[in-house]
Amino acid sequence: MIIRDAGPPDLPAITAIYAHHVLHGAGTFEEVPPDQAMMAERLEKVQDSGWAWLVAEAEGDEGQGIVGFAYYTQFRDRSAFRFTAEDSIYVRDNVRGQGVGKALVAALLQRATEAGFRQMFALIGDSDNVGSIGLHLSLGFRQAGVLRSAGLKFGRWVDLVFMQRGIGLADRDVPGDSGE
């Protein structure tokens, strides 16, 4: 498997993978899949901000192509969050449980650390999402809280699980910049 930066040629696969999760899972709270133009805008915004948007591409398996994608953004727009990132990860349904997600999140952690981030958050839709929760636990995240019944999807209330991991120096010191 190759992990690399996403680009415009990857958008059809990215859009299809995400649409599946929107329509069939509670990992995202979106209910209508965005079209390829909207996904292109999202990709551009992430990359123009200097953050990472990565894809996992199957090696040597004709027709597999892109099997997952992940990106991180600054957790919130306020300047106090300038060292706090949030990850998002989506894997093609027929390759779940094969290490694609773990490889993507591990690469995001490295890229966010290199960019100077100190904390990585994962906001996981659905407390029953044992795959994503387990993946994050395996990479050193810890559960930081649960917002019960945070969203309504598929006719049921869905929790939002907060997970957190320190990266780089984490909170062992205060970075030298003064913010905005």
N, C-alpha and C. Protein backbone atom coordinates (compact mmCIF):
# COMPACT_ATOMS: atom_id res chain seq x y z
N MET A 1 0.85 -1.17 0.00
CA MET A 1 0.00 0.00 0.00
C MET A 1 0.89 1.23 0.00
N ILE A 2 0.52 2.19 -0.79
CA ILE A 2 1.23 3.47 -0.87
C ILE A 2 0.36 4.54 -0.20
N ILE A 3 0.97 5.29 0.72
CA ILE A 3 0.29 6.44 1.33
C ILE A 3 0.92 7.66 0.70
N ARG A 4 0.10 8.53 0.13
CA ARG A 4 0.62 9.72 -0.55
C ARG A 4 -0.37 10.86 -0.43
N ASP A 5 0.10 12.05 -0.78
CA ASP A 5 -0.78 13.21 -0.80
C ASP A 5 -1.86 13.02 -1.87
N ALA A 6 -3.06 13.42 -1.54
CA ALA A 6 -4.17 13.35 -2.49
C ALA A 6 -4.03 14.45 -3.53
N GLY A 7 -4.60 14.20 -4.68
CA GLY A 7 -4.63 15.19 -5.75
C GLY A 7 -5.94 15.12 -6.51
N PRO A 8 -6.17 16.07 -7.42
CA PRO A 8 -7.43 16.09 -8.18
C PRO A 8 -7.79 14.77 -8.87
N PRO A 9 -6.81 14.00 -9.40
CA PRO A 9 -7.21 12.72 -10.02
C PRO A 9 -7.83 11.72 -9.05
N ASP A 10 -7.61 11.92 -7.75
CA ASP A 10 -8.15 11.01 -6.74
C ASP A 10 -9.59 11.34 -6.35
N LEU A 11 -10.09 12.46 -6.80
CA LEU A 11 -11.41 12.92 -6.35
C LEU A 11 -12.56 11.96 -6.65
N PRO A 12 -12.62 11.31 -7.80
CA PRO A 12 -13.74 10.37 -8.00
C PRO A 12 -13.76 9.26 -6.94
N ALA A 13 -12.60 8.70 -6.61
CA ALA A 13 -12.55 7.64 -5.60
C ALA A 13 -12.85 8.19 -4.22
N ILE A 14 -12.29 9.34 -3.88
CA ILE A 14 -12.55 9.97 -2.58
C ILE A 14 -14.04 10.23 -2.41
N THR A 15 -14.66 10.79 -3.45
CA THR A 15 -16.09 11.12 -3.41
C THR A 15 -16.92 9.85 -3.23
N ALA A 16 -16.56 8.79 -3.93
CA ALA A 16 -17.32 7.53 -3.82
C ALA A 16 -17.17 6.90 -2.44
N ILE A 17 -15.95 6.88 -1.91
CA ILE A 17 -15.73 6.31 -0.58
C ILE A 17 -16.53 7.08 0.46
N TYR A 18 -16.46 8.40 0.40
CA TYR A 18 -17.16 9.21 1.39
C TYR A 18 -18.68 9.07 1.23
N ALA A 19 -19.16 9.03 0.01
CA ALA A 19 -20.61 8.88 -0.21
C ALA A 19 -21.12 7.60 0.45
N HIS A 20 -20.35 6.52 0.34
CA HIS A 20 -20.76 5.27 0.98
C HIS A 20 -20.92 5.47 2.49
N HIS A 21 -19.95 6.14 3.11
CA HIS A 21 -20.02 6.36 4.56
C HIS A 21 -21.18 7.28 4.94
N VAL A 22 -21.44 8.28 4.13
CA VAL A 22 -22.57 9.18 4.41
C VAL A 22 -23.88 8.40 4.35
N LEU A 23 -24.02 7.57 3.34
CA LEU A 23 -25.29 6.86 3.12
C LEU A 23 -25.48 5.63 3.99
N HIS A 24 -24.39 5.04 4.50
CA HIS A 24 -24.51 3.76 5.21
C HIS A 24 -23.92 3.72 6.60
N GLY A 25 -23.30 4.80 7.05
CA GLY A 25 -22.65 4.77 8.35
C GLY A 25 -22.91 6.02 9.16
N ALA A 26 -22.63 5.91 10.44
CA ALA A 26 -22.81 7.05 11.35
C ALA A 26 -21.47 7.67 11.74
N GLY A 27 -20.40 7.28 11.05
CA GLY A 27 -19.10 7.87 11.31
C GLY A 27 -19.02 9.32 10.90
N THR A 28 -19.85 9.72 9.98
CA THR A 28 -20.01 11.12 9.61
C THR A 28 -21.46 11.52 9.87
N PHE A 29 -21.64 12.73 10.29
CA PHE A 29 -23.00 13.19 10.57
C PHE A 29 -23.63 13.86 9.35
N GLU A 30 -22.94 13.87 8.23
CA GLU A 30 -23.57 14.36 6.99
C GLU A 30 -24.60 13.34 6.56
N GLU A 31 -25.68 13.81 5.96
CA GLU A 31 -26.75 12.91 5.53
C GLU A 31 -26.93 12.88 4.02
N VAL A 32 -26.36 13.87 3.33
CA VAL A 32 -26.42 13.93 1.87
C VAL A 32 -24.99 13.96 1.37
N PRO A 33 -24.60 12.99 0.55
CA PRO A 33 -23.22 12.96 0.07
C PRO A 33 -22.88 14.20 -0.76
N PRO A 34 -21.76 14.84 -0.46
CA PRO A 34 -21.34 15.97 -1.30
C PRO A 34 -20.88 15.47 -2.66
N ASP A 35 -21.05 16.32 -3.66
CA ASP A 35 -20.61 15.93 -4.99
C ASP A 35 -19.10 16.14 -5.14
N GLN A 36 -18.59 15.76 -6.28
CA GLN A 36 -17.15 15.82 -6.50
C GLN A 36 -16.63 17.25 -6.44
N ALA A 37 -17.41 18.22 -6.91
CA ALA A 37 -16.97 19.63 -6.85
C ALA A 37 -16.81 20.08 -5.39
N MET A 38 -17.72 19.67 -4.52
CA MET A 38 -17.62 20.03 -3.10
C MET A 38 -16.42 19.35 -2.46
N MET A 39 -16.19 18.10 -2.80
CA MET A 39 -15.03 17.40 -2.26
C MET A 39 -13.73 18.06 -2.76
N ALA A 40 -13.74 18.55 -3.99
CA ALA A 40 -12.56 19.27 -4.52
C ALA A 40 -12.31 20.54 -3.71
N GLU A 41 -13.37 21.25 -3.37
CA GLU A 41 -13.23 22.46 -2.54
C GLU A 41 -12.66 22.11 -1.17
N ARG A 42 -13.12 21.02 -0.59
CA ARG A 42 -12.62 20.61 0.73
C ARG A 42 -11.14 20.23 0.66
N LEU A 43 -10.79 19.47 -0.35
CA LEU A 43 -9.39 19.08 -0.54
C LEU A 43 -8.51 20.31 -0.69
N GLU A 44 -8.93 21.23 -1.52
CA GLU A 44 -8.16 22.46 -1.76
C GLU A 44 -8.00 23.28 -0.48
N LYS A 45 -9.06 23.41 0.29
CA LYS A 45 -9.00 24.17 1.54
C LYS A 45 -7.99 23.56 2.52
N VAL A 46 -8.04 22.24 2.66
CA VAL A 46 -7.12 21.56 3.57
C VAL A 46 -5.68 21.77 3.11
N GLN A 47 -5.43 21.50 1.84
CA GLN A 47 -4.06 21.60 1.34
C GLN A 47 -3.56 23.05 1.30
N ASP A 48 -4.43 24.00 0.96
CA ASP A 48 -4.03 25.40 0.94
C ASP A 48 -3.70 25.91 2.34
N SER A 49 -4.26 25.28 3.36
CA SER A 49 -3.97 25.66 4.74
C SER A 49 -2.67 25.04 5.24
N GLY A 50 -2.07 24.18 4.43
CA GLY A 50 -0.82 23.53 4.82
C GLY A 50 -1.02 22.25 5.60
N TRP A 51 -2.24 21.75 5.64
CA TRP A 51 -2.53 20.52 6.35
C TRP A 51 -2.46 19.35 5.38
N ALA A 52 -2.49 18.15 5.89
CA ALA A 52 -2.33 16.96 5.04
C ALA A 52 -3.67 16.33 4.70
N TRP A 53 -3.82 15.95 3.45
CA TRP A 53 -4.92 15.11 2.97
C TRP A 53 -4.24 13.98 2.20
N LEU A 54 -4.36 12.79 2.72
CA LEU A 54 -3.64 11.64 2.19
C LEU A 54 -4.60 10.61 1.62
N VAL A 55 -4.09 9.82 0.68
CA VAL A 55 -4.84 8.67 0.17
C VAL A 55 -3.98 7.43 0.34
N ALA A 56 -4.65 6.30 0.49
CA ALA A 56 -3.99 5.00 0.48
C ALA A 56 -4.33 4.35 -0.85
N GLU A 57 -3.28 3.93 -1.53
CA GLU A 57 -3.45 3.33 -2.85
C GLU A 57 -2.92 1.90 -2.79
N ALA A 58 -3.73 0.96 -3.23
CA ALA A 58 -3.32 -0.44 -3.23
C ALA A 58 -2.20 -0.63 -4.24
N GLU A 59 -1.19 -1.36 -3.84
CA GLU A 59 -0.05 -1.65 -4.71
C GLU A 59 -0.26 -2.97 -5.43
N GLY A 60 0.07 -2.97 -6.70
CA GLY A 60 0.12 -4.21 -7.46
C GLY A 60 -1.18 -4.96 -7.60
N ASP A 61 -2.29 -4.30 -7.37
CA ASP A 61 -3.58 -4.99 -7.48
C ASP A 61 -4.44 -4.18 -8.45
N GLU A 62 -4.38 -4.55 -9.69
CA GLU A 62 -5.11 -3.83 -10.73
C GLU A 62 -6.57 -3.63 -10.32
N GLY A 63 -7.04 -2.43 -10.50
CA GLY A 63 -8.43 -2.13 -10.21
C GLY A 63 -8.71 -1.73 -8.78
N GLN A 64 -7.77 -1.95 -7.85
CA GLN A 64 -8.01 -1.55 -6.45
C GLN A 64 -7.95 -0.03 -6.32
N GLY A 65 -6.88 0.58 -6.80
CA GLY A 65 -6.76 2.03 -6.76
C GLY A 65 -6.79 2.56 -5.34
N ILE A 66 -7.53 3.64 -5.14
CA ILE A 66 -7.62 4.31 -3.85
C ILE A 66 -8.52 3.48 -2.94
N VAL A 67 -7.98 3.10 -1.77
CA VAL A 67 -8.75 2.27 -0.84
C VAL A 67 -9.11 3.02 0.44
N GLY A 68 -8.66 4.26 0.55
CA GLY A 68 -9.01 5.06 1.71
C GLY A 68 -8.39 6.43 1.63
N PHE A 69 -8.90 7.33 2.47
CA PHE A 69 -8.32 8.66 2.55
C PHE A 69 -8.46 9.17 3.97
N ALA A 70 -7.60 10.12 4.29
CA ALA A 70 -7.62 10.72 5.62
C ALA A 70 -7.02 12.11 5.52
N TYR A 71 -7.45 12.97 6.41
CA TYR A 71 -6.88 14.32 6.44
C TYR A 71 -6.96 14.84 7.86
N TYR A 72 -6.17 15.89 8.11
CA TYR A 72 -6.32 16.59 9.37
C TYR A 72 -6.49 18.07 9.09
N THR A 73 -7.17 18.71 10.01
CA THR A 73 -7.37 20.15 9.98
C THR A 73 -7.09 20.69 11.37
N GLN A 74 -6.96 21.99 11.46
CA GLN A 74 -6.91 22.58 12.79
C GLN A 74 -8.26 22.32 13.44
N PHE A 75 -8.25 21.97 14.73
CA PHE A 75 -9.47 21.56 15.43
C PHE A 75 -10.59 22.59 15.31
N ARG A 76 -10.31 23.82 15.57
CA ARG A 76 -11.26 24.93 15.43
C ARG A 76 -10.50 26.13 14.88
N ASP A 77 -11.23 27.13 14.36
CA ASP A 77 -10.60 28.28 13.72
C ASP A 77 -9.93 29.25 14.69
N ARG A 78 -10.33 29.27 15.93
CA ARG A 78 -9.75 30.23 16.88
C ARG A 78 -8.25 30.01 17.04
N SER A 79 -7.50 31.10 17.22
CA SER A 79 -6.04 31.01 17.26
C SER A 79 -5.53 30.14 18.41
N ALA A 80 -6.24 30.05 19.51
CA ALA A 80 -5.78 29.23 20.63
C ALA A 80 -5.69 27.75 20.26
N PHE A 81 -6.36 27.35 19.18
CA PHE A 81 -6.33 25.96 18.72
C PHE A 81 -5.25 25.71 17.66
N ARG A 82 -4.34 26.66 17.47
CA ARG A 82 -3.37 26.56 16.38
C ARG A 82 -2.43 25.36 16.49
N PHE A 83 -2.36 24.74 17.66
CA PHE A 83 -1.51 23.55 17.84
C PHE A 83 -2.33 22.28 18.02
N THR A 84 -3.63 22.35 17.75
CA THR A 84 -4.53 21.22 17.96
C THR A 84 -5.17 20.81 16.63
N ALA A 85 -4.98 19.57 16.24
CA ALA A 85 -5.50 19.06 14.98
C ALA A 85 -6.62 18.05 15.24
N GLU A 86 -7.44 17.87 14.22
CA GLU A 86 -8.51 16.86 14.24
C GLU A 86 -8.37 15.99 13.00
N ASP A 87 -8.42 14.68 13.18
CA ASP A 87 -8.31 13.79 12.02
C ASP A 87 -9.68 13.35 11.52
N SER A 88 -9.71 13.00 10.26
CA SER A 88 -10.88 12.39 9.63
C SER A 88 -10.36 11.28 8.74
N ILE A 89 -11.03 10.14 8.77
CA ILE A 89 -10.54 8.98 8.02
C ILE A 89 -11.71 8.17 7.49
N TYR A 90 -11.58 7.74 6.24
CA TYR A 90 -12.62 6.93 5.60
C TYR A 90 -11.94 5.88 4.73
N VAL A 91 -12.37 4.63 4.90
CA VAL A 91 -11.78 3.50 4.19
C VAL A 91 -12.87 2.83 3.36
N ARG A 92 -12.47 2.39 2.17
CA ARG A 92 -13.43 1.70 1.31
C ARG A 92 -13.96 0.48 2.04
N ASP A 93 -15.25 0.27 1.94
CA ASP A 93 -15.93 -0.74 2.75
C ASP A 93 -15.34 -2.14 2.58
N ASN A 94 -14.92 -2.50 1.40
CA ASN A 94 -14.44 -3.87 1.17
C ASN A 94 -13.00 -4.11 1.62
N VAL A 95 -12.35 -3.11 2.22
CA VAL A 95 -10.98 -3.31 2.73
C VAL A 95 -10.87 -2.94 4.21
N ARG A 96 -12.00 -2.72 4.86
CA ARG A 96 -11.95 -2.39 6.29
C ARG A 96 -11.35 -3.55 7.07
N GLY A 97 -10.60 -3.21 8.12
CA GLY A 97 -9.99 -4.23 8.96
C GLY A 97 -8.70 -4.80 8.40
N GLN A 98 -8.16 -4.20 7.34
CA GLN A 98 -6.94 -4.71 6.71
C GLN A 98 -5.73 -3.79 6.92
N GLY A 99 -5.84 -2.83 7.84
CA GLY A 99 -4.71 -1.97 8.15
C GLY A 99 -4.64 -0.67 7.38
N VAL A 100 -5.57 -0.44 6.48
CA VAL A 100 -5.56 0.80 5.70
C VAL A 100 -5.76 2.01 6.60
N GLY A 101 -6.76 1.96 7.45
CA GLY A 101 -7.04 3.08 8.35
C GLY A 101 -5.89 3.37 9.29
N LYS A 102 -5.31 2.32 9.84
CA LYS A 102 -4.20 2.50 10.78
C LYS A 102 -3.01 3.14 10.08
N ALA A 103 -2.70 2.71 8.86
CA ALA A 103 -1.59 3.30 8.11
C ALA A 103 -1.85 4.77 7.81
N LEU A 104 -3.07 5.10 7.46
CA LEU A 104 -3.41 6.49 7.16
C LEU A 104 -3.30 7.37 8.40
N VAL A 105 -3.86 6.93 9.52
CA VAL A 105 -3.81 7.74 10.74
C VAL A 105 -2.37 7.87 11.23
N ALA A 106 -1.58 6.81 11.14
CA ALA A 106 -0.17 6.89 11.54
C ALA A 106 0.56 7.93 10.70
N ALA A 107 0.29 7.96 9.41
CA ALA A 107 0.91 8.96 8.53
C ALA A 107 0.43 10.37 8.88
N LEU A 108 -0.85 10.51 9.21
CA LEU A 108 -1.36 11.83 9.62
C LEU A 108 -0.68 12.30 10.90
N LEU A 109 -0.50 11.41 11.86
CA LEU A 109 0.16 11.78 13.11
C LEU A 109 1.57 12.30 12.83
N GLN A 110 2.27 11.63 11.95
CA GLN A 110 3.63 12.07 11.60
C GLN A 110 3.60 13.43 10.93
N ARG A 111 2.72 13.61 9.97
CA ARG A 111 2.65 14.88 9.24
C ARG A 111 2.23 16.03 10.16
N ALA A 112 1.27 15.78 11.05
CA ALA A 112 0.82 16.83 11.97
C ALA A 112 1.93 17.20 12.95
N THR A 113 2.68 16.21 13.40
CA THR A 113 3.81 16.46 14.29
C THR A 113 4.84 17.33 13.58
N GLU A 114 5.17 16.97 12.35
CA GLU A 114 6.13 17.74 11.56
C GLU A 114 5.65 19.18 11.33
N ALA A 115 4.35 19.37 11.28
CA ALA A 115 3.78 20.71 11.07
C ALA A 115 3.69 21.52 12.36
N GLY A 116 4.07 20.91 13.49
CA GLY A 116 4.10 21.64 14.75
C GLY A 116 2.89 21.48 15.64
N PHE A 117 1.97 20.61 15.24
CA PHE A 117 0.80 20.38 16.09
C PHE A 117 1.24 19.61 17.34
N ARG A 118 0.48 19.79 18.43
CA ARG A 118 0.82 19.16 19.70
C ARG A 118 -0.24 18.19 20.21
N GLN A 119 -1.44 18.29 19.70
CA GLN A 119 -2.53 17.39 20.09
C GLN A 119 -3.28 16.98 18.83
N MET A 120 -3.73 15.73 18.80
CA MET A 120 -4.59 15.26 17.72
C MET A 120 -5.87 14.75 18.36
N PHE A 121 -6.99 15.23 17.88
CA PHE A 121 -8.30 14.78 18.32
C PHE A 121 -8.93 13.93 17.23
N ALA A 122 -9.72 12.97 17.64
CA ALA A 122 -10.58 12.21 16.74
C ALA A 122 -11.99 12.35 17.28
N LEU A 123 -12.91 12.84 16.48
CA LEU A 123 -14.31 12.93 16.86
C LEU A 123 -15.04 11.85 16.07
N ILE A 124 -15.36 10.77 16.74
CA ILE A 124 -15.86 9.58 16.08
C ILE A 124 -17.37 9.48 16.23
N GLY A 125 -18.04 9.47 15.10
CA GLY A 125 -19.49 9.31 15.10
C GLY A 125 -19.86 7.90 15.50
N ASP A 126 -20.72 7.80 16.49
CA ASP A 126 -21.34 6.56 16.94
C ASP A 126 -20.44 5.79 17.91
N SER A 127 -20.88 5.70 19.15
CA SER A 127 -20.12 4.97 20.15
C SER A 127 -20.07 3.47 19.85
N ASP A 128 -20.88 3.01 18.89
CA ASP A 128 -20.82 1.61 18.43
C ASP A 128 -19.78 1.41 17.33
N ASN A 129 -19.07 2.47 16.95
CA ASN A 129 -18.08 2.41 15.87
C ASN A 129 -16.78 1.82 16.42
N VAL A 130 -16.83 0.53 16.76
CA VAL A 130 -15.69 -0.12 17.43
C VAL A 130 -14.45 -0.17 16.54
N GLY A 131 -14.64 -0.20 15.23
CA GLY A 131 -13.49 -0.23 14.34
C GLY A 131 -12.65 1.04 14.46
N SER A 132 -13.28 2.19 14.36
CA SER A 132 -12.56 3.46 14.44
C SER A 132 -12.03 3.71 15.85
N ILE A 133 -12.83 3.38 16.85
CA ILE A 133 -12.38 3.56 18.23
C ILE A 133 -11.17 2.67 18.49
N GLY A 134 -11.23 1.41 18.08
CA GLY A 134 -10.12 0.49 18.27
C GLY A 134 -8.87 0.91 17.51
N LEU A 135 -9.05 1.38 16.28
CA LEU A 135 -7.93 1.86 15.48
C LEU A 135 -7.21 2.98 16.22
N HIS A 136 -7.97 3.95 16.73
CA HIS A 136 -7.35 5.08 17.43
C HIS A 136 -6.69 4.63 18.74
N LEU A 137 -7.34 3.73 19.47
CA LEU A 137 -6.71 3.21 20.69
C LEU A 137 -5.38 2.54 20.38
N SER A 138 -5.32 1.80 19.27
CA SER A 138 -4.09 1.09 18.91
C SER A 138 -2.95 2.03 18.58
N LEU A 139 -3.27 3.28 18.28
CA LEU A 139 -2.25 4.28 17.95
C LEU A 139 -2.01 5.26 19.10
N GLY A 140 -2.46 4.90 20.30
CA GLY A 140 -2.15 5.70 21.48
C GLY A 140 -3.15 6.77 21.85
N PHE A 141 -4.28 6.83 21.16
CA PHE A 141 -5.32 7.77 21.55
C PHE A 141 -6.01 7.25 22.80
N ARG A 142 -6.59 8.14 23.55
CA ARG A 142 -7.40 7.74 24.70
C ARG A 142 -8.76 8.43 24.58
N GLN A 143 -9.75 7.78 25.15
CA GLN A 143 -11.07 8.39 25.11
C GLN A 143 -11.10 9.58 26.05
N ALA A 144 -11.56 10.70 25.54
CA ALA A 144 -11.60 11.94 26.32
C ALA A 144 -13.03 12.32 26.72
N GLY A 145 -14.01 11.65 26.14
CA GLY A 145 -15.40 11.95 26.49
C GLY A 145 -16.37 11.46 25.43
N VAL A 146 -17.64 11.49 25.77
CA VAL A 146 -18.70 11.09 24.85
C VAL A 146 -19.82 12.11 24.97
N LEU A 147 -20.22 12.65 23.84
CA LEU A 147 -21.42 13.48 23.79
C LEU A 147 -22.57 12.55 23.42
N ARG A 148 -23.42 12.29 24.37
CA ARG A 148 -24.54 11.37 24.15
C ARG A 148 -25.59 11.99 23.25
N SER A 149 -26.11 11.20 22.34
CA SER A 149 -27.19 11.62 21.46
C SER A 149 -26.90 12.97 20.81
N ALA A 150 -25.69 13.11 20.27
CA ALA A 150 -25.25 14.38 19.69
C ALA A 150 -25.87 14.67 18.33
N GLY A 151 -26.23 13.62 17.60
CA GLY A 151 -26.81 13.81 16.28
C GLY A 151 -27.91 12.79 16.03
N LEU A 152 -28.75 13.10 15.07
CA LEU A 152 -29.84 12.21 14.69
C LEU A 152 -29.60 11.76 13.26
N LYS A 153 -29.38 10.47 13.07
CA LYS A 153 -29.13 9.93 11.74
C LYS A 153 -29.76 8.55 11.64
N PHE A 154 -30.33 8.26 10.51
CA PHE A 154 -30.99 6.98 10.26
C PHE A 154 -32.10 6.71 11.28
N GLY A 155 -32.76 7.76 11.73
CA GLY A 155 -33.87 7.62 12.65
C GLY A 155 -33.48 7.25 14.07
N ARG A 156 -32.21 7.45 14.43
CA ARG A 156 -31.79 7.16 15.80
C ARG A 156 -30.77 8.21 16.25
N TRP A 157 -30.68 8.35 17.56
CA TRP A 157 -29.70 9.26 18.15
C TRP A 157 -28.33 8.61 18.11
N VAL A 158 -27.34 9.40 17.76
CA VAL A 158 -25.97 8.90 17.60
C VAL A 158 -25.04 9.69 18.52
N ASP A 159 -24.21 8.97 19.26
CA ASP A 159 -23.21 9.60 20.13
C ASP A 159 -22.03 10.11 19.31
N LEU A 160 -21.25 11.00 19.93
CA LEU A 160 -20.00 11.48 19.36
C LEU A 160 -18.91 11.21 20.39
N VAL A 161 -17.96 10.36 20.01
CA VAL A 161 -16.88 9.94 20.90
C VAL A 161 -15.66 10.82 20.64
N PHE A 162 -15.17 11.47 21.69
CA PHE A 162 -13.96 12.28 21.60
C PHE A 162 -12.77 11.44 22.03
N MET A 163 -11.73 11.42 21.18
CA MET A 163 -10.48 10.74 21.53
C MET A 163 -9.35 11.74 21.33
N GLN A 164 -8.25 11.53 22.05
CA GLN A 164 -7.17 12.49 22.05
C GLN A 164 -5.83 11.79 22.18
N ARG A 165 -4.83 12.36 21.51
CA ARG A 165 -3.46 11.88 21.66
C ARG A 165 -2.51 13.07 21.56
N GLY A 166 -1.58 13.15 22.50
CA GLY A 166 -0.52 14.14 22.39
C GLY A 166 0.46 13.72 21.32
N ILE A 167 0.98 14.68 20.56
CA ILE A 167 1.98 14.39 19.53
C ILE A 167 3.15 15.36 19.70
N GLY A 168 4.28 14.98 19.17
CA GLY A 168 5.47 15.82 19.34
C GLY A 168 5.75 16.00 20.83
N LEU A 169 5.98 17.22 21.24
CA LEU A 169 6.23 17.51 22.66
C LEU A 169 4.93 17.62 23.45
N ALA A 170 3.81 17.49 22.76
CA ALA A 170 2.49 17.58 23.40
C ALA A 170 2.43 18.82 24.29
N ASP A 171 2.08 18.64 25.57
CA ASP A 171 1.95 19.80 26.47
C ASP A 171 3.13 19.90 27.44
N ARG A 172 4.27 19.31 27.08
CA ARG A 172 5.44 19.35 27.97
C ARG A 172 6.13 20.72 27.97
N ASP A 173 5.79 21.55 27.01
CA ASP A 173 6.30 22.92 27.01
C ASP A 173 5.29 23.78 26.25
N VAL A 174 5.58 25.07 26.19
CA VAL A 174 4.72 25.99 25.47
C VAL A 174 5.49 26.46 24.24
N PRO A 175 4.93 26.28 23.05
CA PRO A 175 5.61 26.73 21.84
C PRO A 175 5.90 28.23 21.89
N GLY A 176 6.91 28.65 21.17
CA GLY A 176 7.38 30.02 21.23
C GLY A 176 6.57 31.06 20.50
N ASP A 177 5.59 30.68 19.68
CA ASP A 177 4.91 31.73 18.95
C ASP A 177 3.85 32.40 19.82
N SER A 178 3.48 33.61 19.46
CA SER A 178 2.57 34.40 20.31
C SER A 178 1.12 34.33 19.83
N GLY A 179 0.84 33.57 18.78
CA GLY A 179 -0.53 33.50 18.30
C GLY A 179 -0.86 34.67 17.43
N GLU A 180 -2.14 34.96 17.29
CA GLU A 180 -2.59 36.04 16.43
C GLU A 180 -3.24 37.13 17.24
